């Protein structure tokens, strides 16, 4: 995955916890322009993509890399309000090597990209 794509997916995932706030703010504005409408669609699509992959992690315990451990990795690195752990810290927390953490993160990112229709 190219660095620009990786960073784009990381941004989508990091914004997931506050996407509802953005959507609500846009919906409250009285005038719905084409630009606002496109932004709403974009935000909802991003939100659904991340949500679907997170659900795979929650409901697919023990099936490949989409399990509770991957959920914890993504939560600690991207979803937690005050992220304090780096890759080493997350690896220690979930009892995996840094390379295994990176592999799981990469699989998660690829799945989000697939959900968004992004070619990788």
PDB file of N, CA and C in Angstrom:
ATOM      1  N   UNK A   1       0.855  -1.177   0.000  1.00  0.00           N
ATOM      2  CA  UNK A   1       0.000   0.000   0.000  1.00  0.00           C
ATOM      3  C   UNK A   1       0.897   1.235   0.000  1.00  0.00           C
ATOM      4  N   UNK A   2       0.605   2.139  -0.906  1.00  0.00           N
ATOM      5  CA  UNK A   2       1.389   3.372  -0.981  1.00  0.00           C
ATOM      6  C   UNK A   2       1.204   4.203   0.297  1.00  0.00           C
ATOM      7  N   UNK A   3       2.210   4.986   0.598  1.00  0.00           N
ATOM      8  CA  UNK A   3       2.175   5.809   1.807  1.00  0.00           C
ATOM      9  C   UNK A   3       0.985   6.762   1.810  1.00  0.00           C
ATOM     10  N   UNK A   4       0.692   7.362   0.665  1.00  0.00           N
ATOM     11  CA  UNK A   4      -0.426   8.308   0.606  1.00  0.00           C
ATOM     12  C   UNK A   4      -1.752   7.601   0.882  1.00  0.00           C
ATOM     13  N   UNK A   5      -1.915   6.394   0.354  1.00  0.00           N
ATOM     14  CA  UNK A   5      -3.136   5.617   0.604  1.00  0.00           C
ATOM     15  C   UNK A   5      -3.202   5.214   2.065  1.00  0.00           C
ATOM     16  N   UNK A   6      -2.073   4.770   2.611  1.00  0.00           N
ATOM     17  CA  UNK A   6      -2.009   4.396   4.022  1.00  0.00           C
ATOM     18  C   UNK A   6      -2.435   5.568   4.902  1.00  0.00           C
ATOM     19  N   UNK A   7      -1.878   6.740   4.634  1.00  0.00           N
ATOM     20  CA  UNK A   7      -2.204   7.926   5.434  1.00  0.00           C
ATOM     21  C   UNK A   7      -3.671   8.328   5.285  1.00  0.00           C
ATOM     22  N   UNK A   8      -4.208   8.177   4.085  1.00  0.00           N
ATOM     23  CA  UNK A   8      -5.612   8.495   3.832  1.00  0.00           C
ATOM     24  C   UNK A   8      -6.521   7.562   4.636  1.00  0.00           C
ATOM     25  N   UNK A   9      -6.219   6.269   4.624  1.00  0.00           N
ATOM     26  CA  UNK A   9      -7.014   5.297   5.385  1.00  0.00           C
ATOM     27  C   UNK A   9      -6.855   5.556   6.882  1.00  0.00           C
ATOM     28  N   UNK A  10      -5.656   5.878   7.325  1.00  0.00           N
ATOM     29  CA  UNK A  10      -5.421   6.196   8.739  1.00  0.00           C
ATOM     30  C   UNK A  10      -6.266   7.386   9.168  1.00  0.00           C
ATOM     31  N   UNK A  11      -6.384   8.382   8.296  1.00  0.00           N
ATOM     32  CA  UNK A  11      -7.202   9.558   8.604  1.00  0.00           C
ATOM     33  C   UNK A  11      -8.682   9.173   8.708  1.00  0.00           C
ATOM     34  N   UNK A  12      -9.153   8.359   7.785  1.00  0.00           N
ATOM     35  CA  UNK A  12     -10.552   7.908   7.827  1.00  0.00           C
ATOM     36  C   UNK A  12     -10.834   7.200   9.146  1.00  0.00           C
ATOM     37  N   UNK A  13      -9.928   6.312   9.544  1.00  0.00           N
ATOM     38  CA  UNK A  13     -10.115   5.552  10.780  1.00  0.00           C
ATOM     39  C   UNK A  13     -10.037   6.474  11.993  1.00  0.00           C
ATOM     40  N   UNK A  14      -9.080   7.382  12.002  1.00  0.00           N
ATOM     41  CA  UNK A  14      -8.918   8.303  13.140  1.00  0.00           C
ATOM     42  C   UNK A  14     -10.119   9.224  13.312  1.00  0.00           C
ATOM     43  N   UNK A  15     -10.766   9.589  12.208  1.00  0.00           N
ATOM     44  CA  UNK A  15     -11.928  10.476  12.280  1.00  0.00           C
ATOM     45  C   UNK A  15     -13.220   9.733  12.604  1.00  0.00           C
ATOM     46  N   UNK A  16     -13.182   8.411  12.573  1.00  0.00           N
ATOM     47  CA  UNK A  16     -14.386   7.612  12.816  1.00  0.00           C
ATOM     48  C   UNK A  16     -15.111   7.989  14.123  1.00  0.00           C
ATOM     49  N   UNK A  17     -14.410   8.132  15.243  1.00  0.00           N
ATOM     50  CA  UNK A  17     -15.127   8.437  16.489  1.00  0.00           C
ATOM     51  C   UNK A  17     -15.877   9.777  16.484  1.00  0.00           C
ATOM     52  N   UNK A  18     -15.457  10.720  15.636  1.00  0.00           N
ATOM     53  CA  UNK A  18     -16.104  12.033  15.638  1.00  0.00           C
ATOM     54  C   UNK A  18     -16.923  12.290  14.375  1.00  0.00           C
ATOM     55  N   UNK A  19     -17.070  11.267  13.553  1.00  0.00           N
ATOM     56  CA  UNK A  19     -17.822  11.424  12.309  1.00  0.00           C
ATOM     57  C   UNK A  19     -19.268  11.799  12.565  1.00  0.00           C
ATOM     58  N   UNK A  20     -19.893  11.207  13.569  1.00  0.00           N
ATOM     59  CA  UNK A  20     -21.286  11.550  13.896  1.00  0.00           C
ATOM     60  C   UNK A  20     -21.438  13.039  14.178  1.00  0.00           C
ATOM     61  N   UNK A  21     -20.459  13.611  14.867  1.00  0.00           N
ATOM     62  CA  UNK A  21     -20.499  15.034  15.179  1.00  0.00           C
ATOM     63  C   UNK A  21     -20.441  15.868  13.895  1.00  0.00           C
ATOM     64  N   UNK A  22     -19.555  15.500  12.969  1.00  0.00           N
ATOM     65  CA  UNK A  22     -19.462  16.210  11.689  1.00  0.00           C
ATOM     66  C   UNK A  22     -20.768  16.110  10.911  1.00  0.00           C
ATOM     67  N   UNK A  23     -21.321  14.912  10.861  1.00  0.00           N
ATOM     68  CA  UNK A  23     -22.574  14.694  10.126  1.00  0.00           C
ATOM     69  C   UNK A  23     -23.691  15.518  10.736  1.00  0.00           C
ATOM     70  N   UNK A  24     -23.798  15.475  12.056  1.00  0.00           N
ATOM     71  CA  UNK A  24     -24.842  16.237  12.750  1.00  0.00           C
ATOM     72  C   UNK A  24     -24.707  17.728  12.482  1.00  0.00           C
ATOM     73  N   UNK A  25     -23.494  18.222  12.517  1.00  0.00           N
ATOM     74  CA  UNK A  25     -23.248  19.643  12.269  1.00  0.00           C
ATOM     75  C   UNK A  25     -23.678  20.034  10.846  1.00  0.00           C
ATOM     76  N   UNK A  26     -23.332  19.217   9.877  1.00  0.00           N
ATOM     77  CA  UNK A  26     -23.721  19.500   8.492  1.00  0.00           C
ATOM     78  C   UNK A  26     -25.236  19.422   8.307  1.00  0.00           C
ATOM     79  N   UNK A  27     -25.874  18.468   8.963  1.00  0.00           N
ATOM     80  CA  UNK A  27     -27.323  18.308   8.822  1.00  0.00           C
ATOM     81  C   UNK A  27     -28.094  19.452   9.473  1.00  0.00           C
ATOM     82  N   UNK A  28     -27.518  20.071  10.489  1.00  0.00           N
ATOM     83  CA  UNK A  28     -28.184  21.172  11.177  1.00  0.00           C
ATOM     84  C   UNK A  28     -28.166  22.468  10.372  1.00  0.00           C
ATOM     85  N   UNK A  29     -27.225  22.575   9.467  1.00  0.00           N
ATOM     86  CA  UNK A  29     -27.159  23.769   8.642  1.00  0.00           C
ATOM     87  C   UNK A  29     -28.384  23.793   7.725  1.00  0.00           C
ATOM     88  N   UNK A  30     -29.030  24.927   7.679  1.00  0.00           N
ATOM     89  CA  UNK A  30     -30.300  25.042   6.959  1.00  0.00           C
ATOM     90  C   UNK A  30     -30.162  24.816   5.460  1.00  0.00           C
ATOM     91  N   UNK A  31     -29.139  25.365   4.872  1.00  0.00           N
ATOM     92  CA  UNK A  31     -28.986  25.270   3.431  1.00  0.00           C
ATOM     93  C   UNK A  31     -28.144  24.044   3.073  1.00  0.00           C
ATOM     94  N   UNK A  32     -28.737  23.142   2.327  1.00  0.00           N
ATOM     95  CA  UNK A  32     -27.989  21.968   1.868  1.00  0.00           C
ATOM     96  C   UNK A  32     -27.553  22.213   0.430  1.00  0.00           C
ATOM     97  N   UNK A  33     -26.284  22.459   0.269  1.00  0.00           N
ATOM     98  CA  UNK A  33     -25.731  22.679  -1.063  1.00  0.00           C
ATOM     99  C   UNK A  33     -25.233  21.342  -1.613  1.00  0.00           C
ATOM    100  N   UNK A  34     -24.873  21.349  -2.859  1.00  0.00           N
ATOM    101  CA  UNK A  34     -24.333  20.145  -3.482  1.00  0.00           C
ATOM    102  C   UNK A  34     -23.047  19.720  -2.779  1.00  0.00           C
ATOM    103  N   UNK A  35     -22.223  20.683  -2.432  1.00  0.00           N
ATOM    104  CA  UNK A  35     -20.963  20.390  -1.753  1.00  0.00           C
ATOM    105  C   UNK A  35     -21.223  19.754  -0.390  1.00  0.00           C
ATOM    106  N   UNK A  36     -22.163  20.318   0.370  1.00  0.00           N
ATOM    107  CA  UNK A  36     -22.493  19.759   1.686  1.00  0.00           C
ATOM    108  C   UNK A  36     -23.063  18.360   1.538  1.00  0.00           C
ATOM    109  N   UNK A  37     -23.903  18.176   0.528  1.00  0.00           N
ATOM    110  CA  UNK A  37     -24.494  16.861   0.294  1.00  0.00           C
ATOM    111  C   UNK A  37     -23.396  15.832  -0.019  1.00  0.00           C
ATOM    112  N   UNK A  38     -22.453  16.199  -0.867  1.00  0.00           N
ATOM    113  CA  UNK A  38     -21.354  15.302  -1.196  1.00  0.00           C
ATOM    114  C   UNK A  38     -20.505  14.987   0.031  1.00  0.00           C
ATOM    115  N   UNK A  39     -20.297  15.995   0.861  1.00  0.00           N
ATOM    116  CA  UNK A  39     -19.523  15.783   2.083  1.00  0.00           C
ATOM    117  C   UNK A  39     -20.252  14.832   3.033  1.00  0.00           C
ATOM    118  N   UNK A  40     -21.569  14.983   3.137  1.00  0.00           N
ATOM    119  CA  UNK A  40     -22.354  14.066   3.969  1.00  0.00           C
ATOM    120  C   UNK A  40     -22.248  12.632   3.461  1.00  0.00           C
ATOM    121  N   UNK A  41     -22.369  12.454   2.169  1.00  0.00           N
ATOM    122  CA  UNK A  41     -22.259  11.120   1.572  1.00  0.00           C
ATOM    123  C   UNK A  41     -20.871  10.542   1.836  1.00  0.00           C
ATOM    124  N   UNK A  42     -19.846  11.365   1.642  1.00  0.00           N
ATOM    125  CA  UNK A  42     -18.462  10.953   1.875  1.00  0.00           C
ATOM    126  C   UNK A  42     -18.259  10.519   3.333  1.00  0.00           C
ATOM    127  N   UNK A  43     -18.732  11.328   4.264  1.00  0.00           N
ATOM    128  CA  UNK A  43     -18.578  11.016   5.682  1.00  0.00           C
ATOM    129  C   UNK A  43     -19.320   9.739   6.056  1.00  0.00           C
ATOM    130  N   UNK A  44     -20.530   9.592   5.564  1.00  0.00           N
ATOM    131  CA  UNK A  44     -21.321   8.381   5.872  1.00  0.00           C
ATOM    132  C   UNK A  44     -20.668   7.141   5.274  1.00  0.00           C
ATOM    133  N   UNK A  45     -20.150   7.254   4.057  1.00  0.00           N
ATOM    134  CA  UNK A  45     -19.468   6.115   3.433  1.00  0.00           C
ATOM    135  C   UNK A  45     -18.220   5.713   4.215  1.00  0.00           C
ATOM    136  N   UNK A  46     -17.454   6.693   4.648  1.00  0.00           N
ATOM    137  CA  UNK A  46     -16.271   6.411   5.470  1.00  0.00           C
ATOM    138  C   UNK A  46     -16.674   5.738   6.780  1.00  0.00           C
ATOM    139  N   UNK A  47     -17.697   6.282   7.407  1.00  0.00           N
ATOM    140  CA  UNK A  47     -18.162   5.753   8.680  1.00  0.00           C
ATOM    141  C   UNK A  47     -18.610   4.293   8.529  1.00  0.00           C
ATOM    142  N   UNK A  48     -19.397   4.016   7.507  1.00  0.00           N
ATOM    143  CA  UNK A  48     -19.884   2.648   7.273  1.00  0.00           C
ATOM    144  C   UNK A  48     -18.736   1.687   6.986  1.00  0.00           C
ATOM    145  N   UNK A  49     -17.757   2.133   6.235  1.00  0.00           N
ATOM    146  CA  UNK A  49     -16.618   1.272   5.895  1.00  0.00           C
ATOM    147  C   UNK A  49     -15.861   0.848   7.153  1.00  0.00           C
ATOM    148  N   UNK A  50     -15.534   1.815   7.990  1.00  0.00           N
ATOM    149  CA  UNK A  50     -14.808   1.509   9.232  1.00  0.00           C
ATOM    150  C   UNK A  50     -15.678   0.649  10.140  1.00  0.00           C
ATOM    151  N   UNK A  51     -16.949   0.986  10.238  1.00  0.00           N
ATOM    152  CA  UNK A  51     -17.881   0.232  11.075  1.00  0.00           C
ATOM    153  C   UNK A  51     -17.943  -1.237  10.648  1.00  0.00           C
ATOM    154  N   UNK A  52     -18.044  -1.487   9.356  1.00  0.00           N
ATOM    155  CA  UNK A  52     -18.134  -2.869   8.858  1.00  0.00           C
ATOM    156  C   UNK A  52     -16.887  -3.672   9.212  1.00  0.00           C
ATOM    157  N   UNK A  53     -15.726  -3.066   9.058  1.00  0.00           N
ATOM    158  CA  UNK A  53     -14.488  -3.798   9.345  1.00  0.00           C
ATOM    159  C   UNK A  53     -14.325  -3.999  10.848  1.00  0.00           C
ATOM    160  N   UNK A  54     -14.697  -3.005  11.646  1.00  0.00           N
ATOM    161  CA  UNK A  54     -14.658  -3.191  13.102  1.00  0.00           C
ATOM    162  C   UNK A  54     -15.594  -4.316  13.529  1.00  0.00           C
ATOM    163  N   UNK A  55     -16.761  -4.387  12.908  1.00  0.00           N
ATOM    164  CA  UNK A  55     -17.710  -5.461  13.235  1.00  0.00           C
ATOM    165  C   UNK A  55     -17.128  -6.823  12.867  1.00  0.00           C
ATOM    166  N   UNK A  56     -16.381  -6.891  11.784  1.00  0.00           N
ATOM    167  CA  UNK A  56     -15.726  -8.153  11.417  1.00  0.00           C
ATOM    168  C   UNK A  56     -14.788  -8.600  12.536  1.00  0.00           C
ATOM    169  N   UNK A  57     -14.109  -7.623  13.142  1.00  0.00           N
ATOM    170  CA  UNK A  57     -13.189  -7.941  14.233  1.00  0.00           C
ATOM    171  C   UNK A  57     -13.937  -8.420  15.474  1.00  0.00           C
ATOM    172  N   UNK A  58     -15.074  -7.834  15.727  1.00  0.00           N
ATOM    173  CA  UNK A  58     -15.845  -8.180  16.925  1.00  0.00           C
ATOM    174  C   UNK A  58     -16.555  -9.522  16.762  1.00  0.00           C
ATOM    175  N   UNK A  59     -17.078  -9.786  15.572  1.00  0.00           N
ATOM    176  CA  UNK A  59     -17.887 -10.987  15.378  1.00  0.00           C
ATOM    177  C   UNK A  59     -17.110 -12.179  14.850  1.00  0.00           C
ATOM    178  N   UNK A  60     -15.894 -11.986  14.396  1.00  0.00           N
ATOM    179  CA  UNK A  60     -15.118 -13.078  13.801  1.00  0.00           C
ATOM    180  C   UNK A  60     -13.981 -13.523  14.711  1.00  0.00           C
ATOM    181  N   UNK A  61     -14.283 -13.723  15.962  1.00  0.00           N
ATOM    182  CA  UNK A  61     -13.246 -14.106  16.922  1.00  0.00           C
ATOM    183  C   UNK A  61     -12.537 -15.374  16.451  1.00  0.00           C
ATOM    184  N   UNK A  62     -11.222 -15.284  16.356  1.00  0.00           N
ATOM    185  CA  UNK A  62     -10.418 -16.438  16.006  1.00  0.00           C
ATOM    186  C   UNK A  62     -10.350 -16.766  14.522  1.00  0.00           C
ATOM    187  N   UNK A  63     -10.915 -15.977  13.647  1.00  0.00           N
ATOM    188  CA  UNK A  63     -10.893 -16.252  12.208  1.00  0.00           C
ATOM    189  C   UNK A  63      -9.931 -15.289  11.521  1.00  0.00           C
ATOM    190  N   UNK A  64      -8.745 -15.747  11.241  1.00  0.00           N
ATOM    191  CA  UNK A  64      -7.762 -14.906  10.580  1.00  0.00           C
ATOM    192  C   UNK A  64      -7.331 -13.751  11.458  1.00  0.00           C
ATOM    193  N   UNK A  65      -7.018 -12.642  10.798  1.00  0.00           N
ATOM    194  CA  UNK A  65      -6.529 -11.485  11.551  1.00  0.00           C
ATOM    195  C   UNK A  65      -7.658 -10.580  12.034  1.00  0.00           C
ATOM    196  N   UNK A  66      -8.886 -10.860  11.651  1.00  0.00           N
ATOM    197  CA  UNK A  66     -10.005 -10.027  12.098  1.00  0.00           C
ATOM    198  C   UNK A  66     -10.586 -10.628  13.374  1.00  0.00           C
ATOM    199  N   UNK A  67     -10.018 -10.199  14.494  1.00  0.00           N
ATOM    200  CA  UNK A  67     -10.469 -10.679  15.792  1.00  0.00           C
ATOM    201  C   UNK A  67     -10.333  -9.545  16.812  1.00  0.00           C
ATOM    202  N   UNK A  68     -10.562  -9.875  18.069  1.00  0.00           N
ATOM    203  CA  UNK A  68     -10.511  -8.851  19.125  1.00  0.00           C
ATOM    204  C   UNK A  68      -9.134  -8.219  19.260  1.00  0.00           C
ATOM    205  N   UNK A  69      -8.093  -8.968  18.945  1.00  0.00           N
ATOM    206  CA  UNK A  69      -6.742  -8.415  19.040  1.00  0.00           C
ATOM    207  C   UNK A  69      -6.559  -7.299  18.012  1.00  0.00           C
ATOM    208  N   UNK A  70      -7.003  -7.538  16.786  1.00  0.00           N
ATOM    209  CA  UNK A  70      -6.908  -6.503  15.758  1.00  0.00           C
ATOM    210  C   UNK A  70      -7.758  -5.297  16.146  1.00  0.00           C
ATOM    211  N   UNK A  71      -8.927  -5.545  16.703  1.00  0.00           N
ATOM    212  CA  UNK A  71      -9.770  -4.441  17.188  1.00  0.00           C
ATOM    213  C   UNK A  71      -8.997  -3.625  18.215  1.00  0.00           C
ATOM    214  N   UNK A  72      -8.359  -4.289  19.168  1.00  0.00           N
ATOM    215  CA  UNK A  72      -7.589  -3.584  20.204  1.00  0.00           C
ATOM    216  C   UNK A  72      -6.446  -2.769  19.591  1.00  0.00           C
ATOM    217  N   UNK A  73      -5.787  -3.333  18.595  1.00  0.00           N
ATOM    218  CA  UNK A  73      -4.679  -2.630  17.935  1.00  0.00           C
ATOM    219  C   UNK A  73      -5.189  -1.336  17.295  1.00  0.00           C
ATOM    220  N   UNK A  74      -6.256  -1.438  16.534  1.00  0.00           N
ATOM    221  CA  UNK A  74      -6.818  -0.270  15.857  1.00  0.00           C
ATOM    222  C   UNK A  74      -7.340   0.732  16.881  1.00  0.00           C
ATOM    223  N   UNK A  75      -7.986   0.247  17.923  1.00  0.00           N
ATOM    224  CA  UNK A  75      -8.502   1.143  18.960  1.00  0.00           C
ATOM    225  C   UNK A  75      -7.366   1.931  19.603  1.00  0.00           C
ATOM    226  N   UNK A  76      -6.323   1.240  20.011  1.00  0.00           N
ATOM    227  CA  UNK A  76      -5.218   1.901  20.706  1.00  0.00           C
ATOM    228  C   UNK A  76      -4.473   2.898  19.810  1.00  0.00           C
ATOM    229  N   UNK A  77      -4.312   2.555  18.544  1.00  0.00           N
ATOM    230  CA  UNK A  77      -3.535   3.420  17.656  1.00  0.00           C
ATOM    231  C   UNK A  77      -4.346   4.550  17.029  1.00  0.00           C
ATOM    232  N   UNK A  78      -5.660   4.343  16.800  1.00  0.00           N
ATOM    233  CA  UNK A  78      -6.422   5.308  16.005  1.00  0.00           C
ATOM    234  C   UNK A  78      -7.737   5.779  16.607  1.00  0.00           C
ATOM    235  N   UNK A  79      -8.355   5.009  17.461  1.00  0.00           N
ATOM    236  CA  UNK A  79      -9.701   5.366  17.922  1.00  0.00           C
ATOM    237  C   UNK A  79      -9.742   5.953  19.328  1.00  0.00           C
ATOM    238  N   UNK A  80      -8.775   5.641  20.130  1.00  0.00           N
ATOM    239  CA  UNK A  80      -8.740   6.142  21.503  1.00  0.00           C
ATOM    240  C   UNK A  80      -8.600   7.662  21.483  1.00  0.00           C
ATOM    241  N   UNK A  81      -9.350   8.331  22.359  1.00  0.00           N
ATOM    242  CA  UNK A  81      -9.337   9.795  22.385  1.00  0.00           C
ATOM    243  C   UNK A  81      -7.940  10.335  22.653  1.00  0.00           C
ATOM    244  N   UNK A  82      -7.277   9.789  23.609  1.00  0.00           N
ATOM    245  CA  UNK A  82      -5.918  10.218  23.947  1.00  0.00           C
ATOM    246  C   UNK A  82      -4.981   9.026  23.753  1.00  0.00           C
ATOM    247  N   UNK A  83      -4.570   8.804  22.528  1.00  0.00           N
ATOM    248  CA  UNK A  83      -3.693   7.684  22.207  1.00  0.00           C
ATOM    249  C   UNK A  83      -2.339   7.903  22.862  1.00  0.00           C
ATOM    250  N   UNK A  84      -1.907   6.947  23.644  1.00  0.00           N
ATOM    251  CA  UNK A  84      -0.626   7.089  24.339  1.00  0.00           C
ATOM    252  C   UNK A  84       0.371   6.011  23.940  1.00  0.00           C
ATOM    253  N   UNK A  85      -0.095   4.975  23.250  1.00  0.00           N
ATOM    254  CA  UNK A  85       0.788   3.871  22.893  1.00  0.00           C
ATOM    255  C   UNK A  85       1.258   3.982  21.441  1.00  0.00           C
ATOM    256  N   UNK A  86       2.508   3.644  21.226  1.00  0.00           N
ATOM    257  CA  UNK A  86       3.020   3.522  19.865  1.00  0.00           C
ATOM    258  C   UNK A  86       2.961   2.043  19.491  1.00  0.00           C
ATOM    259  N   UNK A  87       3.535   1.679  18.344  1.00  0.00           N
ATOM    260  CA  UNK A  87       3.486   0.278  17.910  1.00  0.00           C
ATOM    261  C   UNK A  87       4.111  -0.674  18.932  1.00  0.00           C
ATOM    262  N   UNK A  88       5.233  -0.279  19.526  1.00  0.00           N
ATOM    263  CA  UNK A  88       5.875  -1.123  20.538  1.00  0.00           C
ATOM    264  C   UNK A  88       4.966  -1.320  21.752  1.00  0.00           C
ATOM    265  N   UNK A  89       4.361  -0.239  22.196  1.00  0.00           N
ATOM    266  CA  UNK A  89       3.466  -0.319  23.346  1.00  0.00           C
ATOM    267  C   UNK A  89       2.248  -1.178  23.075  1.00  0.00           C
ATOM    268  N   UNK A  90       1.688  -1.039  21.885  1.00  0.00           N
ATOM    269  CA  UNK A  90       0.526  -1.856  21.521  1.00  0.00           C
ATOM    270  C   UNK A  90       0.937  -3.324  21.415  1.00  0.00           C
ATOM    271  N   UNK A  91       2.097  -3.583  20.818  1.00  0.00           N
ATOM    272  CA  UNK A  91       2.586  -4.958  20.703  1.00  0.00           C
ATOM    273  C   UNK A  91       2.737  -5.599  22.083  1.00  0.00           C
ATOM    274  N   UNK A  92       3.290  -4.861  23.022  1.00  0.00           N
ATOM    275  CA  UNK A  92       3.413  -5.379  24.388  1.00  0.00           C
ATOM    276  C   UNK A  92       2.049  -5.625  25.013  1.00  0.00           C
ATOM    277  N   UNK A  93       1.123  -4.724  24.798  1.00  0.00           N
ATOM    278  CA  UNK A  93      -0.210  -4.848  25.392  1.00  0.00           C
ATOM    279  C   UNK A  93      -0.956  -6.075  24.874  1.00  0.00           C
ATOM    280  N   UNK A  94      -0.853  -6.337  23.569  1.00  0.00           N
ATOM    281  CA  UNK A  94      -1.600  -7.460  22.980  1.00  0.00           C
ATOM    282  C   UNK A  94      -0.761  -8.731  22.876  1.00  0.00           C
ATOM    283  N   UNK A  95       0.472  -8.682  23.386  1.00  0.00           N
ATOM    284  CA  UNK A  95       1.366  -9.841  23.436  1.00  0.00           C
ATOM    285  C   UNK A  95       1.689 -10.400  22.055  1.00  0.00           C
ATOM    286  N   UNK A  96       1.990  -9.499  21.124  1.00  0.00           N
ATOM    287  CA  UNK A  96       2.423  -9.868  19.778  1.00  0.00           C
ATOM    288  C   UNK A  96       3.698  -9.110  19.455  1.00  0.00           C
ATOM    289  N   UNK A  97       4.382  -9.549  18.414  1.00  0.00           N
ATOM    290  CA  UNK A  97       5.554  -8.802  17.955  1.00  0.00           C
ATOM    291  C   UNK A  97       5.085  -7.566  17.194  1.00  0.00           C
ATOM    292  N   UNK A  98       5.984  -6.609  17.040  1.00  0.00           N
ATOM    293  CA  UNK A  98       5.659  -5.395  16.290  1.00  0.00           C
ATOM    294  C   UNK A  98       5.293  -5.755  14.850  1.00  0.00           C
ATOM    295  N   UNK A  99       6.000  -6.706  14.264  1.00  0.00           N
ATOM    296  CA  UNK A  99       5.690  -7.083  12.876  1.00  0.00           C
ATOM    297  C   UNK A  99       4.305  -7.712  12.769  1.00  0.00           C
ATOM    298  N   UNK A 100       3.878  -8.471  13.755  1.00  0.00           N
ATOM    299  CA  UNK A 100       2.530  -9.039  13.746  1.00  0.00           C
ATOM    300  C   UNK A 100       1.475  -7.939  13.899  1.00  0.00           C
ATOM    301  N   UNK A 101       1.761  -6.954  14.720  1.00  0.00           N
ATOM    302  CA  UNK A 101       0.851  -5.819  14.881  1.00  0.00           C
ATOM    303  C   UNK A 101       0.728  -5.066  13.565  1.00  0.00           C
ATOM    304  N   UNK A 102       1.862  -4.826  12.911  1.00  0.00           N
ATOM    305  CA  UNK A 102       1.841  -4.136  11.615  1.00  0.00           C
ATOM    306  C   UNK A 102       1.064  -4.937  10.575  1.00  0.00           C
ATOM    307  N   UNK A 103       1.224  -6.252  10.583  1.00  0.00           N
ATOM    308  CA  UNK A 103       0.519  -7.112   9.628  1.00  0.00           C
ATOM    309  C   UNK A 103      -1.004  -7.029   9.839  1.00  0.00           C
ATOM    310  N   UNK A 104      -1.426  -7.042  11.084  1.00  0.00           N
ATOM    311  CA  UNK A 104      -2.854  -6.941  11.388  1.00  0.00           C
ATOM    312  C   UNK A 104      -3.397  -5.555  11.021  1.00  0.00           C
ATOM    313  N   UNK A 105      -2.610  -4.537  11.328  1.00  0.00           N
ATOM    314  CA  UNK A 105      -3.025  -3.175  10.966  1.00  0.00           C
ATOM    315  C   UNK A 105      -3.146  -3.046   9.452  1.00  0.00           C
ATOM    316  N   UNK A 106      -2.191  -3.588   8.739  1.00  0.00           N
ATOM    317  CA  UNK A 106      -2.210  -3.553   7.273  1.00  0.00           C
ATOM    318  C   UNK A 106      -3.447  -4.266   6.725  1.00  0.00           C
ATOM    319  N   UNK A 107      -3.783  -5.413   7.278  1.00  0.00           N
ATOM    320  CA  UNK A 107      -4.969  -6.151   6.826  1.00  0.00           C
ATOM    321  C   UNK A 107      -6.231  -5.343   7.089  1.00  0.00           C
ATOM    322  N   UNK A 108      -6.287  -4.694   8.245  1.00  0.00           N
ATOM    323  CA  UNK A 108      -7.440  -3.852   8.582  1.00  0.00           C
ATOM    324  C   UNK A 108      -7.559  -2.699   7.594  1.00  0.00           C
ATOM    325  N   UNK A 109      -6.439  -2.027   7.335  1.00  0.00           N
ATOM    326  CA  UNK A 109      -6.429  -0.902   6.392  1.00  0.00           C
ATOM    327  C   UNK A 109      -6.854  -1.350   4.997  1.00  0.00           C
ATOM    328  N   UNK A 110      -6.344  -2.491   4.562  1.00  0.00           N
ATOM    329  CA  UNK A 110      -6.711  -2.995   3.239  1.00  0.00           C
ATOM    330  C   UNK A 110      -8.204  -3.295   3.147  1.00  0.00           C
ATOM    331  N   UNK A 111      -8.757  -3.806   4.225  1.00  0.00           N
ATOM    332  CA  UNK A 111     -10.193  -4.104   4.231  1.00  0.00           C
ATOM    333  C   UNK A 111     -11.024  -2.826   4.206  1.00  0.00           C
ATOM    334  N   UNK A 112     -10.593  -1.796   4.926  1.00  0.00           N
ATOM    335  CA  UNK A 112     -11.287  -0.503   4.879  1.00  0.00           C
ATOM    336  C   UNK A 112     -11.184   0.071   3.464  1.00  0.00           C
ATOM    337  N   UNK A 113     -10.000  -0.015   2.873  1.00  0.00           N
ATOM    338  CA  UNK A 113      -9.828   0.483   1.496  1.00  0.00           C
ATOM    339  C   UNK A 113     -10.751  -0.264   0.547  1.00  0.00           C
ATOM    340  N   UNK A 114     -10.850  -1.564   0.715  1.00  0.00           N
ATOM    341  CA  UNK A 114     -11.745  -2.369  -0.124  1.00  0.00           C
ATOM    342  C   UNK A 114     -13.196  -1.941   0.058  1.00  0.00           C
ATOM    343  N   UNK A 115     -13.596  -1.712   1.291  1.00  0.00           N
ATOM    344  CA  UNK A 115     -14.969  -1.259   1.583  1.00  0.00           C
ATOM    345  C   UNK A 115     -15.255   0.095   0.933  1.00  0.00           C
ATOM    346  N   UNK A 116     -14.239   0.934   0.827  1.00  0.00           N
ATOM    347  CA  UNK A 116     -14.386   2.271   0.220  1.00  0.00           C
ATOM    348  C   UNK A 116     -14.168   2.256  -1.280  1.00  0.00           C
ATOM    349  N   UNK A 117     -13.811   1.105  -1.822  1.00  0.00           N
ATOM    350  CA  UNK A 117     -13.590   1.012  -3.245  1.00  0.00           C
ATOM    351  C   UNK A 117     -12.276   1.614  -3.699  1.00  0.00           C
ATOM    352  N   UNK A 118     -11.312   1.653  -2.805  1.00  0.00           N
ATOM    353  CA  UNK A 118      -9.999   2.218  -3.117  1.00  0.00           C
ATOM    354  C   UNK A 118      -9.087   1.091  -3.592  1.00  0.00           C
ATOM    355  N   UNK A 119      -8.510   1.288  -4.734  1.00  0.00           N
ATOM    356  CA  UNK A 119      -7.592   0.287  -5.294  1.00  0.00           C
ATOM    357  C   UNK A 119      -6.252   0.383  -4.569  1.00  0.00           C
ATOM    358  N   UNK A 120      -5.756  -0.764  -4.140  1.00  0.00           N
ATOM    359  CA  UNK A 120      -4.461  -0.779  -3.445  1.00  0.00           C
ATOM    360  C   UNK A 120      -3.466  -1.635  -4.190  1.00  0.00           C
TER     361      UNK A 120
END
